[in-house]
């Protein structure tokens, strides 16, 4: 990354009506559009969680998407981000939906 921006890794959990509304599929699509890698999965307590990695600006764009947009049928009440850290290299090859 010649622009000095670097790579960022962030864990996320999205609360609200985010299961049964194709949230994971749309999250995967948005991540791929932004060129990010990581994963997304449903949790047993009705949220969606995962990890995103990629160029800092793109990760921030994805965080905004997770916070405000989501899938067309979803109703996001809040999105929490944790373990934000700079990384030297991507730890995933693609963006996967985990079962």
N, C-alpha and C. Protein backbone atom coordinates (compact mmCIF):
# COMPACT_ATOMS: atom_id res chain seq x y z
N UNK A 1 0.84 -1.19 0.00
CA UNK A 1 0.00 0.00 0.00
C UNK A 1 0.88 1.24 0.00
N UNK A 2 1.11 1.78 -1.14
CA UNK A 2 2.03 2.89 -1.29
C UNK A 2 1.48 4.19 -0.69
N UNK A 3 0.16 4.28 -0.56
CA UNK A 3 -0.42 5.52 -0.05
C UNK A 3 -0.31 5.64 1.47
N UNK A 4 0.32 4.68 2.12
CA UNK A 4 0.51 4.75 3.56
C UNK A 4 -0.75 4.52 4.35
N UNK A 5 -1.80 4.10 3.67
CA UNK A 5 -3.08 3.93 4.36
C UNK A 5 -3.08 2.68 5.23
N UNK A 6 -2.53 1.60 4.73
CA UNK A 6 -2.44 0.38 5.51
C UNK A 6 -3.72 -0.42 5.52
N UNK A 7 -3.65 -1.56 6.17
CA UNK A 7 -4.77 -2.49 6.27
C UNK A 7 -5.33 -2.47 7.68
N UNK A 8 -6.64 -2.64 7.74
CA UNK A 8 -7.34 -2.61 9.02
C UNK A 8 -8.17 -3.88 9.17
N UNK A 9 -8.26 -4.35 10.40
CA UNK A 9 -9.12 -5.49 10.74
C UNK A 9 -10.06 -5.04 11.85
N UNK A 10 -11.36 -5.33 11.67
CA UNK A 10 -12.36 -4.93 12.65
C UNK A 10 -13.38 -6.05 12.82
N UNK A 11 -13.71 -6.36 14.08
CA UNK A 11 -14.80 -7.30 14.37
C UNK A 11 -16.08 -6.47 14.52
N UNK A 12 -17.21 -7.07 14.16
CA UNK A 12 -18.47 -6.34 14.28
C UNK A 12 -19.59 -7.25 14.75
N UNK A 13 -20.60 -6.62 15.35
CA UNK A 13 -21.84 -7.31 15.70
C UNK A 13 -22.97 -6.32 15.44
N UNK A 14 -23.96 -6.77 14.65
CA UNK A 14 -25.08 -5.89 14.28
C UNK A 14 -26.34 -6.40 14.96
N UNK A 15 -27.03 -5.47 15.64
CA UNK A 15 -28.25 -5.79 16.38
C UNK A 15 -29.47 -5.24 15.65
N UNK A 16 -30.62 -5.83 15.91
CA UNK A 16 -31.86 -5.39 15.28
C UNK A 16 -32.50 -6.57 14.55
N UNK A 17 -33.29 -6.24 13.53
CA UNK A 17 -33.90 -7.30 12.71
C UNK A 17 -32.91 -7.61 11.59
N UNK A 18 -31.98 -8.52 11.87
CA UNK A 18 -30.90 -8.80 10.93
C UNK A 18 -30.80 -10.28 10.55
N UNK A 19 -31.72 -11.09 11.06
CA UNK A 19 -31.74 -12.50 10.67
C UNK A 19 -33.02 -12.78 9.89
N UNK A 20 -32.90 -13.64 8.88
CA UNK A 20 -34.05 -13.95 8.05
C UNK A 20 -34.38 -12.85 7.05
N UNK A 21 -33.45 -11.93 6.84
CA UNK A 21 -33.68 -10.81 5.92
C UNK A 21 -32.53 -10.68 4.90
N UNK A 22 -31.84 -11.81 4.67
CA UNK A 22 -30.72 -11.85 3.71
C UNK A 22 -29.58 -10.91 4.08
N UNK A 23 -29.45 -10.62 5.37
CA UNK A 23 -28.41 -9.69 5.82
C UNK A 23 -27.01 -10.21 5.49
N UNK A 24 -26.78 -11.49 5.72
CA UNK A 24 -25.45 -12.05 5.46
C UNK A 24 -25.11 -11.98 3.97
N UNK A 25 -26.09 -12.31 3.13
CA UNK A 25 -25.87 -12.29 1.67
C UNK A 25 -25.54 -10.87 1.19
N UNK A 26 -26.28 -9.88 1.68
CA UNK A 26 -26.03 -8.49 1.29
C UNK A 26 -24.70 -8.00 1.86
N UNK A 27 -24.37 -8.44 3.08
CA UNK A 27 -23.09 -8.06 3.69
C UNK A 27 -21.94 -8.60 2.84
N UNK A 28 -22.07 -9.85 2.42
CA UNK A 28 -21.04 -10.46 1.58
C UNK A 28 -20.91 -9.68 0.26
N UNK A 29 -22.04 -9.34 -0.34
CA UNK A 29 -22.03 -8.61 -1.60
C UNK A 29 -21.37 -7.25 -1.47
N UNK A 30 -21.68 -6.54 -0.40
CA UNK A 30 -21.10 -5.21 -0.17
C UNK A 30 -19.60 -5.32 0.10
N UNK A 31 -19.21 -6.31 0.88
CA UNK A 31 -17.78 -6.50 1.17
C UNK A 31 -17.00 -6.81 -0.10
N UNK A 32 -17.57 -7.66 -0.94
CA UNK A 32 -16.91 -7.99 -2.20
C UNK A 32 -16.83 -6.77 -3.11
N UNK A 33 -17.88 -5.98 -3.14
CA UNK A 33 -17.89 -4.75 -3.95
C UNK A 33 -16.76 -3.81 -3.51
N UNK A 34 -16.53 -3.77 -2.20
CA UNK A 34 -15.50 -2.89 -1.65
C UNK A 34 -14.11 -3.53 -1.67
N UNK A 35 -14.04 -4.80 -2.07
CA UNK A 35 -12.76 -5.49 -2.12
C UNK A 35 -12.25 -5.91 -0.76
N UNK A 36 -13.17 -6.16 0.18
CA UNK A 36 -12.79 -6.56 1.53
C UNK A 36 -12.86 -8.07 1.70
N UNK A 37 -12.16 -8.57 2.70
CA UNK A 37 -12.22 -9.99 3.04
C UNK A 37 -12.68 -10.12 4.49
N UNK A 38 -13.08 -11.35 4.86
CA UNK A 38 -13.54 -11.58 6.22
C UNK A 38 -14.66 -12.59 6.23
N UNK A 39 -15.59 -12.42 7.17
CA UNK A 39 -16.68 -13.38 7.29
C UNK A 39 -17.86 -12.74 8.00
N UNK A 40 -19.01 -13.43 7.89
CA UNK A 40 -20.24 -13.00 8.57
C UNK A 40 -21.01 -14.26 8.96
N UNK A 41 -21.68 -14.22 10.11
CA UNK A 41 -22.52 -15.35 10.53
C UNK A 41 -23.61 -14.87 11.47
N UNK A 42 -24.70 -15.65 11.52
CA UNK A 42 -25.75 -15.40 12.50
C UNK A 42 -25.28 -15.88 13.85
N UNK A 43 -25.77 -15.25 14.92
CA UNK A 43 -25.48 -15.73 16.27
C UNK A 43 -26.74 -16.34 16.85
N UNK A 44 -26.58 -17.06 17.94
CA UNK A 44 -27.74 -17.71 18.58
C UNK A 44 -28.64 -16.69 19.27
N UNK A 45 -28.17 -15.47 19.48
CA UNK A 45 -29.02 -14.48 20.15
C UNK A 45 -29.56 -13.41 19.20
N UNK A 46 -29.69 -13.78 17.92
CA UNK A 46 -30.43 -12.93 16.98
C UNK A 46 -29.65 -11.79 16.36
N UNK A 47 -28.33 -11.80 16.53
CA UNK A 47 -27.53 -10.76 15.90
C UNK A 47 -26.73 -11.38 14.76
N UNK A 48 -26.00 -10.53 14.05
CA UNK A 48 -25.09 -10.99 13.01
C UNK A 48 -23.71 -10.49 13.41
N UNK A 49 -22.72 -11.36 13.33
CA UNK A 49 -21.38 -10.93 13.69
C UNK A 49 -20.38 -11.36 12.63
N UNK A 50 -19.20 -10.76 12.68
CA UNK A 50 -18.18 -11.13 11.73
C UNK A 50 -16.93 -10.29 11.86
N UNK A 51 -16.14 -10.34 10.81
CA UNK A 51 -14.89 -9.60 10.77
C UNK A 51 -14.69 -9.07 9.35
N UNK A 52 -14.18 -7.85 9.27
CA UNK A 52 -13.84 -7.28 7.96
C UNK A 52 -12.39 -6.85 7.98
N UNK A 53 -11.73 -7.06 6.85
CA UNK A 53 -10.34 -6.66 6.70
C UNK A 53 -10.12 -6.07 5.33
N UNK A 54 -9.27 -5.05 5.27
CA UNK A 54 -8.93 -4.44 4.00
C UNK A 54 -8.36 -3.06 4.21
N UNK A 55 -8.23 -2.28 3.13
CA UNK A 55 -7.73 -0.91 3.24
C UNK A 55 -8.61 -0.10 4.19
N UNK A 56 -7.99 0.71 5.03
CA UNK A 56 -8.69 1.45 6.08
C UNK A 56 -9.93 2.17 5.59
N UNK A 57 -9.82 2.93 4.51
CA UNK A 57 -10.97 3.71 4.02
C UNK A 57 -12.13 2.81 3.61
N UNK A 58 -11.81 1.66 3.01
CA UNK A 58 -12.86 0.73 2.59
C UNK A 58 -13.53 0.07 3.79
N UNK A 59 -12.72 -0.26 4.80
CA UNK A 59 -13.28 -0.85 6.03
C UNK A 59 -14.22 0.16 6.69
N UNK A 60 -13.82 1.43 6.71
CA UNK A 60 -14.69 2.46 7.30
C UNK A 60 -15.99 2.62 6.52
N UNK A 61 -15.90 2.49 5.21
CA UNK A 61 -17.11 2.54 4.36
C UNK A 61 -18.04 1.38 4.72
N UNK A 62 -17.46 0.21 4.92
CA UNK A 62 -18.25 -0.98 5.28
C UNK A 62 -18.86 -0.82 6.67
N UNK A 63 -18.13 -0.21 7.59
CA UNK A 63 -18.68 0.02 8.93
C UNK A 63 -19.91 0.91 8.85
N UNK A 64 -19.84 1.93 8.01
CA UNK A 64 -20.97 2.84 7.83
C UNK A 64 -22.16 2.07 7.23
N UNK A 65 -21.89 1.19 6.28
CA UNK A 65 -22.93 0.37 5.66
C UNK A 65 -23.59 -0.53 6.71
N UNK A 66 -22.76 -1.16 7.56
CA UNK A 66 -23.29 -2.05 8.60
C UNK A 66 -24.10 -1.27 9.64
N UNK A 67 -23.71 -0.03 9.87
CA UNK A 67 -24.36 0.80 10.88
C UNK A 67 -25.70 1.33 10.38
N UNK A 68 -25.79 1.65 9.08
CA UNK A 68 -26.95 2.42 8.60
C UNK A 68 -27.78 1.76 7.51
N UNK A 69 -27.19 0.89 6.72
CA UNK A 69 -27.90 0.42 5.52
C UNK A 69 -28.35 -1.03 5.64
N UNK A 70 -27.41 -1.96 5.60
CA UNK A 70 -27.77 -3.38 5.71
C UNK A 70 -28.57 -3.85 4.52
N UNK A 71 -29.29 -4.94 4.70
CA UNK A 71 -30.12 -5.47 3.62
C UNK A 71 -31.44 -4.69 3.57
N UNK A 72 -32.12 -4.74 2.41
CA UNK A 72 -33.36 -3.96 2.26
C UNK A 72 -34.41 -4.23 3.35
N UNK A 73 -34.53 -5.48 3.80
CA UNK A 73 -35.56 -5.82 4.79
C UNK A 73 -35.09 -5.66 6.24
N UNK A 74 -33.81 -5.40 6.44
CA UNK A 74 -33.29 -5.35 7.82
C UNK A 74 -33.67 -4.05 8.51
N UNK A 75 -33.68 -4.11 9.83
CA UNK A 75 -33.87 -2.92 10.68
C UNK A 75 -32.72 -2.95 11.68
N UNK A 76 -31.73 -2.13 11.46
CA UNK A 76 -30.56 -2.12 12.33
C UNK A 76 -30.80 -1.21 13.53
N UNK A 77 -30.67 -1.77 14.73
CA UNK A 77 -30.82 -0.92 15.91
C UNK A 77 -29.46 -0.37 16.33
N UNK A 78 -28.43 -1.19 16.22
CA UNK A 78 -27.08 -0.69 16.47
C UNK A 78 -26.04 -1.66 15.93
N UNK A 79 -24.87 -1.11 15.65
CA UNK A 79 -23.73 -1.93 15.22
C UNK A 79 -22.57 -1.62 16.15
N UNK A 80 -21.94 -2.67 16.65
CA UNK A 80 -20.81 -2.51 17.55
C UNK A 80 -19.55 -2.99 16.84
N UNK A 81 -18.47 -2.25 17.03
CA UNK A 81 -17.19 -2.62 16.42
C UNK A 81 -16.15 -2.78 17.52
N UNK A 82 -15.33 -3.81 17.39
CA UNK A 82 -14.32 -4.07 18.43
C UNK A 82 -13.06 -4.63 17.79
N UNK A 83 -12.03 -4.74 18.60
CA UNK A 83 -10.74 -5.31 18.15
C UNK A 83 -10.22 -4.66 16.87
N UNK A 84 -10.41 -3.36 16.76
CA UNK A 84 -9.91 -2.67 15.57
C UNK A 84 -8.39 -2.60 15.64
N UNK A 85 -7.72 -3.11 14.61
CA UNK A 85 -6.26 -3.09 14.63
C UNK A 85 -5.69 -3.04 13.22
N UNK A 86 -4.53 -2.42 13.13
CA UNK A 86 -3.80 -2.41 11.86
C UNK A 86 -3.15 -3.78 11.68
N UNK A 87 -3.18 -4.29 10.47
CA UNK A 87 -2.58 -5.59 10.18
C UNK A 87 -1.59 -5.44 9.02
N UNK A 88 -0.63 -6.33 8.98
CA UNK A 88 0.39 -6.29 7.93
C UNK A 88 -0.11 -6.94 6.64
N UNK A 89 -0.93 -7.98 6.81
CA UNK A 89 -1.43 -8.73 5.65
C UNK A 89 -2.84 -9.23 5.96
N UNK A 90 -3.64 -9.45 4.91
CA UNK A 90 -4.99 -9.97 5.08
C UNK A 90 -4.93 -11.40 5.62
N UNK A 91 -5.82 -11.71 6.55
CA UNK A 91 -5.84 -13.04 7.17
C UNK A 91 -6.86 -13.96 6.52
N UNK A 92 -7.63 -13.44 5.57
CA UNK A 92 -8.65 -14.23 4.87
C UNK A 92 -8.41 -14.09 3.37
N UNK A 93 -8.87 -15.07 2.62
CA UNK A 93 -8.71 -15.02 1.16
C UNK A 93 -9.90 -14.33 0.47
N UNK A 94 -11.06 -14.43 1.11
CA UNK A 94 -12.28 -13.86 0.53
C UNK A 94 -13.23 -13.49 1.65
N UNK A 95 -14.45 -13.12 1.28
CA UNK A 95 -15.47 -12.81 2.30
C UNK A 95 -16.48 -13.94 2.30
N UNK A 96 -16.55 -14.66 3.41
CA UNK A 96 -17.39 -15.86 3.49
C UNK A 96 -18.58 -15.69 4.41
N UNK A 97 -19.63 -16.42 4.08
CA UNK A 97 -20.78 -16.55 4.99
C UNK A 97 -20.56 -17.85 5.76
N UNK A 98 -20.45 -17.74 7.07
CA UNK A 98 -20.26 -18.93 7.91
C UNK A 98 -21.61 -19.39 8.43
N UNK A 99 -21.75 -20.70 8.56
CA UNK A 99 -23.01 -21.25 9.08
C UNK A 99 -22.93 -21.33 10.59
